[in-house]
Every structure is written in structure tokens, then in C-alpha cells.
Amino acid sequence: MRVVMLLAILVVLVTLVLPLLRRPAVTAGRARRRPRPQELVKDPVCQTYIVRSRAVAGGGDDAPYFCSHECARRYAG
């Protein structure tokens, strides 16, 4: 009877501890983040797509983005 009781306790402990061991490790309290993909914007002059961080921004909040200063100049003039 004692053996059955010890086995039952062992099964319960293993069932509770295994999920804790399988969790991904969090380093220094920070979760690992995946890098976000860069947003593409379309140049209204030459119709090419360019990564927003490399694009030439027009003036203003809703202004379009351009692939180069040449396209921005042609759009303005």
C-alpha cells in the first residue's frame, strides 16, 4: 500500500514539475523579441517600393516617401 501511495505522489510531482522545466528561459526578466519586418512604402514618382527607414520623406505628416532625392524633387516640381 505504501508503494502505491509513493508512486502516486511521484506521478503528481512529475506532472507538476515537467511543464515548468519545459518553459523557454527568460533572460534577465526580458522576453525574447523577434525583429519586426521593415515596412515597405511606394514611391509615387517611379512606382518602386523601398524600406521606410531608408526612404526620403516628403514634408508633413501625410507626405509620401520617395526612393531618392531626385524623385522627391520631380514630385515637388
PDB file of N, CA and C in Angstrom:
ATOM      1  N   MET A   1       0.814  -1.180   0.000  1.00  0.00           N
ATOM      2  CA  MET A   1       0.000   0.000   0.000  1.00  0.00           C
ATOM      3  C   MET A   1       0.868   1.258   0.000  1.00  0.00           C
ATOM      4  N   ARG A   2       1.971   1.227   0.722  1.00  0.00           N
ATOM      5  CA  ARG A   2       2.860   2.381   0.764  1.00  0.00           C
ATOM      6  C   ARG A   2       3.501   2.635  -0.597  1.00  0.00           C
ATOM      7  N   VAL A   3       3.804   1.582  -1.302  1.00  0.00           N
ATOM      8  CA  VAL A   3       4.436   1.717  -2.617  1.00  0.00           C
ATOM      9  C   VAL A   3       3.484   2.421  -3.584  1.00  0.00           C
ATOM     10  N   VAL A   4       2.218   2.067  -3.533  1.00  0.00           N
ATOM     11  CA  VAL A   4       1.224   2.687  -4.404  1.00  0.00           C
ATOM     12  C   VAL A   4       1.087   4.168  -4.063  1.00  0.00           C
ATOM     13  N   MET A   5       1.082   4.476  -2.794  1.00  0.00           N
ATOM     14  CA  MET A   5       0.971   5.866  -2.351  1.00  0.00           C
ATOM     15  C   MET A   5       2.186   6.675  -2.784  1.00  0.00           C
ATOM     16  N   LEU A   6       3.388   6.122  -2.653  1.00  0.00           N
ATOM     17  CA  LEU A   6       4.606   6.816  -3.074  1.00  0.00           C
ATOM     18  C   LEU A   6       4.625   7.022  -4.589  1.00  0.00           C
ATOM     19  N   LEU A   7       4.183   6.030  -5.350  1.00  0.00           N
ATOM     20  CA  LEU A   7       4.116   6.166  -6.804  1.00  0.00           C
ATOM     21  C   LEU A   7       3.122   7.254  -7.214  1.00  0.00           C
ATOM     22  N   ALA A   8       2.002   7.335  -6.531  1.00  0.00           N
ATOM     23  CA  ALA A   8       1.007   8.363  -6.833  1.00  0.00           C
ATOM     24  C   ALA A   8       1.569   9.755  -6.564  1.00  0.00           C
ATOM     25  N   ILE A   9       2.264   9.918  -5.467  1.00  0.00           N
ATOM     26  CA  ILE A   9       2.884  11.206  -5.144  1.00  0.00           C
ATOM     27  C   ILE A   9       3.958  11.556  -6.169  1.00  0.00           C
ATOM     28  N   LEU A  10       4.741  10.578  -6.568  1.00  0.00           N
ATOM     29  CA  LEU A  10       5.780  10.793  -7.570  1.00  0.00           C
ATOM     30  C   LEU A  10       5.183  11.228  -8.903  1.00  0.00           C
ATOM     31  N   VAL A  11       4.107  10.590  -9.316  1.00  0.00           N
ATOM     32  CA  VAL A  11       3.448  10.944 -10.578  1.00  0.00           C
ATOM     33  C   VAL A  11       2.914  12.373 -10.517  1.00  0.00           C
ATOM     34  N   VAL A  12       2.313  12.743  -9.401  1.00  0.00           N
ATOM     35  CA  VAL A  12       1.788  14.101  -9.250  1.00  0.00           C
ATOM     36  C   VAL A  12       2.921  15.124  -9.294  1.00  0.00           C
ATOM     37  N   LEU A  13       4.028  14.855  -8.625  1.00  0.00           N
ATOM     38  CA  LEU A  13       5.156  15.780  -8.628  1.00  0.00           C
ATOM     39  C   LEU A  13       5.764  15.925 -10.021  1.00  0.00           C
ATOM     40  N   VAL A  14       5.932  14.825 -10.713  1.00  0.00           N
ATOM     41  CA  VAL A  14       6.494  14.872 -12.066  1.00  0.00           C
ATOM     42  C   VAL A  14       5.553  15.639 -12.991  1.00  0.00           C
ATOM     43  N   THR A  15       4.252  15.438 -12.838  1.00  0.00           N
ATOM     44  CA  THR A  15       3.276  16.130 -13.667  1.00  0.00           C
ATOM     45  C   THR A  15       3.312  17.633 -13.425  1.00  0.00           C
ATOM     46  N   LEU A  16       3.582  18.053 -12.217  1.00  0.00           N
ATOM     47  CA  LEU A  16       3.639  19.478 -11.907  1.00  0.00           C
ATOM     48  C   LEU A  16       4.976  20.116 -12.272  1.00  0.00           C
ATOM     49  N   VAL A  17       6.062  19.376 -12.166  1.00  0.00           N
ATOM     50  CA  VAL A  17       7.394  19.944 -12.374  1.00  0.00           C
ATOM     51  C   VAL A  17       7.804  19.960 -13.845  1.00  0.00           C
ATOM     52  N   LEU A  18       7.435  18.969 -14.631  1.00  0.00           N
ATOM     53  CA  LEU A  18       7.860  18.904 -16.037  1.00  0.00           C
ATOM     54  C   LEU A  18       7.447  20.120 -16.858  1.00  0.00           C
ATOM     55  N   PRO A  19       6.225  20.605 -16.765  1.00  0.00           N
ATOM     56  CA  PRO A  19       5.894  21.815 -17.549  1.00  0.00           C
ATOM     57  C   PRO A  19       6.735  23.028 -17.171  1.00  0.00           C
ATOM     58  N   LEU A  20       7.147  23.126 -15.920  1.00  0.00           N
ATOM     59  CA  LEU A  20       8.000  24.239 -15.512  1.00  0.00           C
ATOM     60  C   LEU A  20       9.383  24.151 -16.133  1.00  0.00           C
ATOM     61  N   LEU A  21       9.873  22.939 -16.314  1.00  0.00           N
ATOM     62  CA  LEU A  21      11.197  22.745 -16.899  1.00  0.00           C
ATOM     63  C   LEU A  21      11.187  22.964 -18.411  1.00  0.00           C
ATOM     64  N   ARG A  22      10.066  22.770 -19.047  1.00  0.00           N
ATOM     65  CA  ARG A  22       9.980  22.893 -20.498  1.00  0.00           C
ATOM     66  C   ARG A  22       9.727  24.318 -20.968  1.00  0.00           C
ATOM     67  N   ARG A  23       9.428  25.248 -20.090  1.00  0.00           N
ATOM     68  CA  ARG A  23       9.191  26.636 -20.470  1.00  0.00           C
ATOM     69  C   ARG A  23      10.475  27.248 -21.004  1.00  0.00           C
ATOM     70  N   PRO A  24      10.350  28.139 -22.001  1.00  0.00           N
ATOM     71  CA  PRO A  24      11.568  28.794 -22.511  1.00  0.00           C
ATOM     72  C   PRO A  24      12.159  29.716 -21.454  1.00  0.00           C
ATOM     73  N   ALA A  25      13.444  29.768 -21.426  1.00  0.00           N
ATOM     74  CA  ALA A  25      14.141  30.595 -20.436  1.00  0.00           C
ATOM     75  C   ALA A  25      13.982  32.062 -20.782  1.00  0.00           C
ATOM     76  N   VAL A  26      13.713  32.870 -19.798  1.00  0.00           N
ATOM     77  CA  VAL A  26      13.624  34.314 -19.971  1.00  0.00           C
ATOM     78  C   VAL A  26      14.881  34.900 -19.358  1.00  0.00           C
ATOM     79  N   THR A  27      15.639  35.639 -20.153  1.00  0.00           N
ATOM     80  CA  THR A  27      16.915  36.160 -19.681  1.00  0.00           C
ATOM     81  C   THR A  27      16.730  37.520 -19.034  1.00  0.00           C
ATOM     82  N   ALA A  28      17.152  37.635 -17.833  1.00  0.00           N
ATOM     83  CA  ALA A  28      17.145  38.884 -17.058  1.00  0.00           C
ATOM     84  C   ALA A  28      15.780  39.559 -17.043  1.00  0.00           C
ATOM     85  N   GLY A  29      14.721  38.775 -16.980  1.00  0.00           N
ATOM     86  CA  GLY A  29      13.388  39.342 -16.891  1.00  0.00           C
ATOM     87  C   GLY A  29      12.819  39.864 -18.199  1.00  0.00           C
ATOM     88  N   ARG A  30      13.536  39.711 -19.282  1.00  0.00           N
ATOM     89  CA  ARG A  30      13.060  40.193 -20.581  1.00  0.00           C
ATOM     90  C   ARG A  30      12.726  39.017 -21.480  1.00  0.00           C
ATOM     91  N   ALA A  31      11.608  39.118 -22.141  1.00  0.00           N
ATOM     92  CA  ALA A  31      11.237  38.090 -23.106  1.00  0.00           C
ATOM     93  C   ALA A  31      11.994  38.345 -24.409  1.00  0.00           C
ATOM     94  N   ARG A  32      12.317  37.288 -25.116  1.00  0.00           N
ATOM     95  CA  ARG A  32      12.990  37.445 -26.395  1.00  0.00           C
ATOM     96  C   ARG A  32      11.995  37.979 -27.425  1.00  0.00           C
ATOM     97  N   ARG A  33      12.426  38.943 -28.181  1.00  0.00           N
ATOM     98  CA  ARG A  33      11.568  39.547 -29.188  1.00  0.00           C
ATOM     99  C   ARG A  33      12.082  39.222 -30.573  1.00  0.00           C
ATOM    100  N   ARG A  34      11.145  38.995 -31.477  1.00  0.00           N
ATOM    101  CA  ARG A  34      11.521  38.804 -32.875  1.00  0.00           C
ATOM    102  C   ARG A  34      11.643  40.176 -33.529  1.00  0.00           C
ATOM    103  N   PRO A  35      12.612  40.319 -34.394  1.00  0.00           N
ATOM    104  CA  PRO A  35      12.704  41.601 -35.087  1.00  0.00           C
ATOM    105  C   PRO A  35      11.508  41.782 -36.029  1.00  0.00           C
ATOM    106  N   ARG A  36      10.941  42.981 -36.014  1.00  0.00           N
ATOM    107  CA  ARG A  36       9.808  43.238 -36.880  1.00  0.00           C
ATOM    108  C   ARG A  36      10.290  43.465 -38.299  1.00  0.00           C
ATOM    109  N   PRO A  37       9.546  42.972 -39.258  1.00  0.00           N
ATOM    110  CA  PRO A  37       9.948  43.220 -40.646  1.00  0.00           C
ATOM    111  C   PRO A  37       9.794  44.703 -40.978  1.00  0.00           C
ATOM    112  N   GLN A  38      10.636  45.186 -41.841  1.00  0.00           N
ATOM    113  CA  GLN A  38      10.598  46.581 -42.249  1.00  0.00           C
ATOM    114  C   GLN A  38       9.368  46.837 -43.116  1.00  0.00           C
ATOM    115  N   GLU A  39       8.751  47.976 -42.913  1.00  0.00           N
ATOM    116  CA  GLU A  39       7.581  48.352 -43.704  1.00  0.00           C
ATOM    117  C   GLU A  39       8.042  48.916 -45.044  1.00  0.00           C
ATOM    118  N   LEU A  40       7.382  48.481 -46.109  1.00  0.00           N
ATOM    119  CA  LEU A  40       7.693  48.990 -47.436  1.00  0.00           C
ATOM    120  C   LEU A  40       6.731  50.113 -47.789  1.00  0.00           C
ATOM    121  N   VAL A  41       7.264  51.140 -48.437  1.00  0.00           N
ATOM    122  CA  VAL A  41       6.451  52.254 -48.917  1.00  0.00           C
ATOM    123  C   VAL A  41       6.686  52.392 -50.421  1.00  0.00           C
ATOM    124  N   LYS A  42       5.679  52.920 -51.112  1.00  0.00           N
ATOM    125  CA  LYS A  42       5.752  53.027 -52.567  1.00  0.00           C
ATOM    126  C   LYS A  42       6.054  54.471 -52.969  1.00  0.00           C
ATOM    127  N   ASP A  43       7.035  54.619 -53.828  1.00  0.00           N
ATOM    128  CA  ASP A  43       7.390  55.921 -54.376  1.00  0.00           C
ATOM    129  C   ASP A  43       6.336  56.303 -55.416  1.00  0.00           C
ATOM    130  N   PRO A  44       5.688  57.472 -55.273  1.00  0.00           N
ATOM    131  CA  PRO A  44       4.639  57.847 -56.226  1.00  0.00           C
ATOM    132  C   PRO A  44       5.169  58.272 -57.594  1.00  0.00           C
ATOM    133  N   VAL A  45       6.448  58.558 -57.724  1.00  0.00           N
ATOM    134  CA  VAL A  45       7.007  59.008 -58.998  1.00  0.00           C
ATOM    135  C   VAL A  45       7.430  57.821 -59.859  1.00  0.00           C
ATOM    136  N   CYS A  46       8.312  56.990 -59.335  1.00  0.00           N
ATOM    137  CA  CYS A  46       8.829  55.874 -60.144  1.00  0.00           C
ATOM    138  C   CYS A  46       8.164  54.544 -59.819  1.00  0.00           C
ATOM    139  N   GLN A  47       7.221  54.533 -58.882  1.00  0.00           N
ATOM    140  CA  GLN A  47       6.416  53.351 -58.545  1.00  0.00           C
ATOM    141  C   GLN A  47       7.233  52.190 -57.993  1.00  0.00           C
ATOM    142  N   THR A  48       8.356  52.467 -57.375  1.00  0.00           N
ATOM    143  CA  THR A  48       9.153  51.405 -56.755  1.00  0.00           C
ATOM    144  C   THR A  48       8.865  51.362 -55.262  1.00  0.00           C
ATOM    145  N   TYR A  49       9.131  50.213 -54.659  1.00  0.00           N
ATOM    146  CA  TYR A  49       8.973  50.046 -53.218  1.00  0.00           C
ATOM    147  C   TYR A  49      10.325  50.144 -52.553  1.00  0.00           C
ATOM    148  N   ILE A  50      10.331  50.772 -51.383  1.00  0.00           N
ATOM    149  CA  ILE A  50      11.572  50.944 -50.642  1.00  0.00           C
ATOM    150  C   ILE A  50      11.268  50.797 -49.156  1.00  0.00           C
ATOM    151  N   VAL A  51      12.251  50.343 -48.395  1.00  0.00           N
ATOM    152  CA  VAL A  51      12.103  50.203 -46.950  1.00  0.00           C
ATOM    153  C   VAL A  51      11.923  51.600 -46.355  1.00  0.00           C
ATOM    154  N   ARG A  52      10.939  51.749 -45.491  1.00  0.00           N
ATOM    155  CA  ARG A  52      10.583  53.065 -44.950  1.00  0.00           C
ATOM    156  C   ARG A  52      11.761  53.744 -44.247  1.00  0.00           C
ATOM    157  N   SER A  53      12.583  52.963 -43.558  1.00  0.00           N
ATOM    158  CA  SER A  53      13.704  53.564 -42.826  1.00  0.00           C
ATOM    159  C   SER A  53      14.760  54.156 -43.762  1.00  0.00           C
ATOM    160  N   ARG A  54      14.788  53.721 -45.020  1.00  0.00           N
ATOM    161  CA  ARG A  54      15.763  54.235 -45.993  1.00  0.00           C
ATOM    162  C   ARG A  54      15.148  55.240 -46.963  1.00  0.00           C
ATOM    163  N   ALA A  55      13.849  55.416 -46.900  1.00  0.00           N
ATOM    164  CA  ALA A  55      13.169  56.298 -47.847  1.00  0.00           C
ATOM    165  C   ALA A  55      13.395  57.763 -47.499  1.00  0.00           C
ATOM    166  N   VAL A  56      13.271  58.611 -48.527  1.00  0.00           N
ATOM    167  CA  VAL A  56      13.346  60.058 -48.347  1.00  0.00           C
ATOM    168  C   VAL A  56      11.928  60.525 -48.066  1.00  0.00           C
ATOM    169  N   ALA A  57      11.731  61.139 -46.921  1.00  0.00           N
ATOM    170  CA  ALA A  57      10.392  61.571 -46.529  1.00  0.00           C
ATOM    171  C   ALA A  57      10.090  62.942 -47.089  1.00  0.00           C
ATOM    172  N   GLY A  58       8.853  63.102 -47.576  1.00  0.00           N
ATOM    173  CA  GLY A  58       8.395  64.420 -48.003  1.00  0.00           C
ATOM    174  C   GLY A  58       8.044  65.227 -46.765  1.00  0.00           C
ATOM    175  N   GLY A  59       7.763  66.504 -46.924  1.00  0.00           N
ATOM    176  CA  GLY A  59       7.423  67.344 -45.782  1.00  0.00           C
ATOM    177  C   GLY A  59       5.998  67.095 -45.315  1.00  0.00           C
ATOM    178  N   GLY A  60       5.775  67.078 -44.004  1.00  0.00           N
ATOM    179  CA  GLY A  60       4.434  66.914 -43.458  1.00  0.00           C
ATOM    180  C   GLY A  60       4.170  65.508 -42.968  1.00  0.00           C
ATOM    181  N   ASP A  61       3.020  65.341 -42.294  1.00  0.00           N
ATOM    182  CA  ASP A  61       2.675  64.046 -41.710  1.00  0.00           C
ATOM    183  C   ASP A  61       2.201  63.035 -42.757  1.00  0.00           C
ATOM    184  N   ASP A  62       1.352  63.486 -43.695  1.00  0.00           N
ATOM    185  CA  ASP A  62       0.788  62.576 -44.688  1.00  0.00           C
ATOM    186  C   ASP A  62       1.546  62.600 -46.005  1.00  0.00           C
ATOM    187  N   ALA A  63       2.729  63.178 -46.009  1.00  0.00           N
ATOM    188  CA  ALA A  63       3.510  63.293 -47.238  1.00  0.00           C
ATOM    189  C   ALA A  63       4.024  61.920 -47.662  1.00  0.00           C
ATOM    190  N   PRO A  64       4.166  61.731 -48.967  1.00  0.00           N
ATOM    191  CA  PRO A  64       4.664  60.436 -49.446  1.00  0.00           C
ATOM    192  C   PRO A  64       6.156  60.261 -49.180  1.00  0.00           C
ATOM    193  N   TYR A  65       6.606  59.034 -49.353  1.00  0.00           N
ATOM    194  CA  TYR A  65       8.027  58.701 -49.230  1.00  0.00           C
ATOM    195  C   TYR A  65       8.578  58.449 -50.627  1.00  0.00           C
ATOM    196  N   PHE A  66       9.866  58.760 -50.804  1.00  0.00           N
ATOM    197  CA  PHE A  66      10.494  58.633 -52.114  1.00  0.00           C
ATOM    198  C   PHE A  66      11.731  57.768 -52.017  1.00  0.00           C
ATOM    199  N   CYS A  67      12.110  57.171 -53.150  1.00  0.00           N
ATOM    200  CA  CYS A  67      13.296  56.310 -53.165  1.00  0.00           C
ATOM    201  C   CYS A  67      14.583  57.126 -53.224  1.00  0.00           C
ATOM    202  N   SER A  68      14.489  58.376 -53.717  1.00  0.00           N
ATOM    203  CA  SER A  68      15.680  59.221 -53.822  1.00  0.00           C
ATOM    204  C   SER A  68      15.281  60.688 -53.756  1.00  0.00           C
ATOM    205  N   HIS A  69      16.277  61.544 -53.613  1.00  0.00           N
ATOM    206  CA  HIS A  69      16.028  62.986 -53.614  1.00  0.00           C
ATOM    207  C   HIS A  69      15.574  63.447 -54.996  1.00  0.00           C
ATOM    208  N   GLU A  70      16.045  62.768 -56.033  1.00  0.00           N
ATOM    209  CA  GLU A  70      15.637  63.100 -57.410  1.00  0.00           C
ATOM    210  C   GLU A  70      14.141  62.901 -57.587  1.00  0.00           C
ATOM    211  N   CYS A  71      13.593  61.797 -57.103  1.00  0.00           N
ATOM    212  CA  CYS A  71      12.149  61.557 -57.208  1.00  0.00           C
ATOM    213  C   CYS A  71      11.361  62.572 -56.372  1.00  0.00           C
ATOM    214  N   ALA A  72      11.879  62.934 -55.209  1.00  0.00           N
ATOM    215  CA  ALA A  72      11.205  63.931 -54.378  1.00  0.00           C
ATOM    216  C   ALA A  72      11.190  65.287 -55.076  1.00  0.00           C
ATOM    217  N   ARG A  73      12.277  65.643 -55.760  1.00  0.00           N
ATOM    218  CA  ARG A  73      12.338  66.902 -56.500  1.00  0.00           C
ATOM    219  C   ARG A  73      11.366  66.897 -57.676  1.00  0.00           C
ATOM    220  N   ARG A  74      11.309  65.787 -58.402  1.00  0.00           N
ATOM    221  CA  ARG A  74      10.396  65.695 -59.546  1.00  0.00           C
ATOM    222  C   ARG A  74       8.939  65.742 -59.091  1.00  0.00           C
ATOM    223  N   TYR A  75       8.639  65.191 -57.936  1.00  0.00           N
ATOM    224  CA  TYR A  75       7.270  65.211 -57.411  1.00  0.00           C
ATOM    225  C   TYR A  75       6.854  66.627 -57.021  1.00  0.00           C
ATOM    226  N   ALA A  76       7.800  67.385 -56.431  1.00  0.00           N
ATOM    227  CA  ALA A  76       7.507  68.740 -55.984  1.00  0.00           C
ATOM    228  C   ALA A  76       7.394  69.706 -57.161  1.00  0.00           C
ATOM    229  N   GLY A  77       8.125  69.464 -58.220  1.00  0.00           N
ATOM    230  CA  GLY A  77       8.172  70.438 -59.308  1.00  0.00           C
ATOM    231  C   GLY A  77       7.527  69.940 -60.505  1.00  0.00           C
TER     232      GLY A  77
END
